[in-house]
Protein backbone atom coordinates (compact mmCIF):
# COMPACT_ATOMS: atom_id res chain seq x y z
CA MET A 1 -166.38 181.77 66.43
CA ASP A 2 -162.92 180.95 65.08
CA ASP A 3 -161.26 177.92 66.68
CA ARG A 4 -158.40 180.11 67.89
CA VAL A 5 -160.68 182.53 69.77
CA THR A 6 -161.50 181.28 73.26
CA GLU A 7 -163.75 182.47 76.03
CA PRO A 8 -162.24 185.54 77.71
CA TYR A 9 -159.85 184.85 80.56
CA VAL A 10 -157.42 187.05 82.45
CA VAL A 11 -153.69 186.56 81.99
CA ALA A 12 -151.27 187.97 84.53
CA GLN A 13 -149.08 190.70 83.11
CA GLU A 14 -145.96 188.55 83.55
CA ALA A 15 -147.59 185.71 81.56
CA ILE A 16 -148.54 187.73 78.48
CA ALA A 17 -145.20 187.09 76.77
CA GLY A 18 -145.71 183.33 77.10
CA GLU A 19 -149.14 183.59 75.50
CA LEU A 20 -147.68 185.63 72.65
CA LEU A 21 -144.87 183.10 72.14
CA ARG A 22 -147.54 180.40 71.69
CA GLY A 23 -149.08 182.38 68.82
CA LYS A 24 -151.88 183.87 70.86
CA TRP A 25 -152.78 187.53 71.21
CA CYS A 26 -154.42 189.38 74.08
CA VAL A 27 -157.18 191.95 74.08
CA TYR A 28 -157.53 193.80 77.36
CA LEU A 29 -160.48 195.75 78.66
CA HIS A 30 -159.18 199.01 80.05
CA GLU A 31 -161.28 198.59 83.20
CA TRP A 32 -159.15 195.53 84.06
CA LEU A 33 -156.23 197.88 84.72
CA GLY A 34 -157.84 199.00 87.95
CA ASP A 35 -157.03 202.15 89.84
CA GLU A 36 -153.34 201.37 90.36
CA HIS A 37 -152.38 201.44 86.66
CA GLU A 38 -152.70 203.79 83.77
CA LEU A 39 -152.65 202.50 80.21
CA ALA A 40 -149.23 203.96 79.31
CA THR A 41 -147.59 202.42 82.38
CA TRP A 42 -149.27 199.08 81.75
CA ARG A 43 -148.03 199.06 78.14
CA GLU A 44 -144.46 199.85 79.25
CA GLN A 45 -144.54 197.01 81.79
CA VAL A 46 -145.98 194.51 79.31
CA ALA A 47 -143.36 195.50 76.71
CA ALA A 48 -140.57 195.11 79.28
CA HIS A 49 -141.73 191.62 80.32
CA ALA A 50 -142.06 190.65 76.66
CA ALA A 51 -138.59 191.97 75.80
CA GLU A 52 -137.12 189.85 78.63
CA SER A 53 -138.68 186.82 76.91
CA GLY A 54 -137.46 187.87 73.47
CA VAL A 55 -140.91 188.82 72.18
CA GLU A 56 -141.37 191.93 70.06
CA VAL A 57 -144.85 193.24 70.77
CA CYS A 58 -147.18 195.72 69.20
CA PHE A 59 -150.15 197.44 70.79
CA VAL A 60 -153.28 198.53 68.99
CA GLU A 61 -155.70 200.66 70.94
CA ILE A 62 -159.36 200.22 70.19
CA PRO A 63 -160.58 203.49 71.70
CA ARG A 64 -164.29 203.18 70.91
CA LYS A 65 -164.33 199.89 72.81
CA ASP A 66 -161.92 200.87 75.63
CA MET A 67 -159.68 197.92 74.75
CA THR A 68 -156.08 197.35 73.74
CA LEU A 69 -154.76 194.52 71.58
CA VAL A 70 -151.31 193.11 72.42
CA ALA A 71 -149.72 190.88 69.81
CA ASN A 72 -146.40 189.35 68.83
CA VAL A 73 -145.29 191.21 65.70
CA HIS A 74 -144.23 187.86 64.22
CA ALA A 75 -147.62 186.18 64.83
CA LEU A 76 -150.30 188.80 64.21
CA PRO A 77 -153.95 187.75 64.37
CA SER A 78 -156.18 188.28 61.37
CA PHE A 79 -158.74 191.08 61.25
CA GLU A 80 -161.48 188.46 61.68
CA GLN A 81 -159.79 186.98 64.77
CA VAL A 82 -159.46 190.42 66.36
CA THR A 83 -163.09 191.21 65.52
CA GLN A 84 -164.19 187.95 67.13
CA SER A 85 -162.06 188.59 70.21
CA VAL A 86 -163.54 192.06 70.61
CA ALA A 87 -167.07 190.67 70.21
CA ALA A 88 -166.38 188.00 72.85
CA LEU A 89 -165.12 190.63 75.28
CA GLU A 90 -168.08 192.90 74.60
CA HIS A 91 -170.38 189.95 75.35
CA TYR A 92 -168.44 189.25 78.56
CA ARG A 93 -168.64 192.91 79.52
CA GLU A 94 -172.42 192.93 79.03
CA MET A 95 -172.81 189.76 81.11
CA VAL A 96 -170.78 191.24 83.97
CA ALA A 97 -172.76 194.49 83.83
CA GLY A 98 -176.01 192.50 83.90
CA ARG A 99 -174.87 190.55 86.97
CA ARG A 100 -173.96 193.75 88.78
CA TRP A 101 -177.31 195.29 87.91
CA ARG A 102 -179.20 192.18 89.12
CA SER A 103 -177.20 191.99 92.35
CA ARG A 104 -177.92 195.67 93.11
CA ARG A 105 -181.62 195.13 92.43
CA SER A 106 -181.63 192.11 94.76
CA ALA A 107 -180.03 194.14 97.56
CA GLU A 108 -182.81 196.73 97.47
């Protein structure tokens, strides 16, 4: 995995701009939005927080993966970095699903 791709971690919506200013990018699983947000509203809020910090953002939906990439337009990740980020999140997603399945089986 590329040195700039880390293990998945959650960043608060208000902190995304700071991550982008440091040259990072964020890939979000749509299920992290929860029931209180829809994707369009979440994007508007992220863009507003970023604009307050002087960051121009772009969003790239990855519909087949139910993910959205958020990046600073002046520090875009490479295709390989995005691919690695998506793979890391898919691995995380599978691990979480496996834990849920095991915990349900244990409860029976």
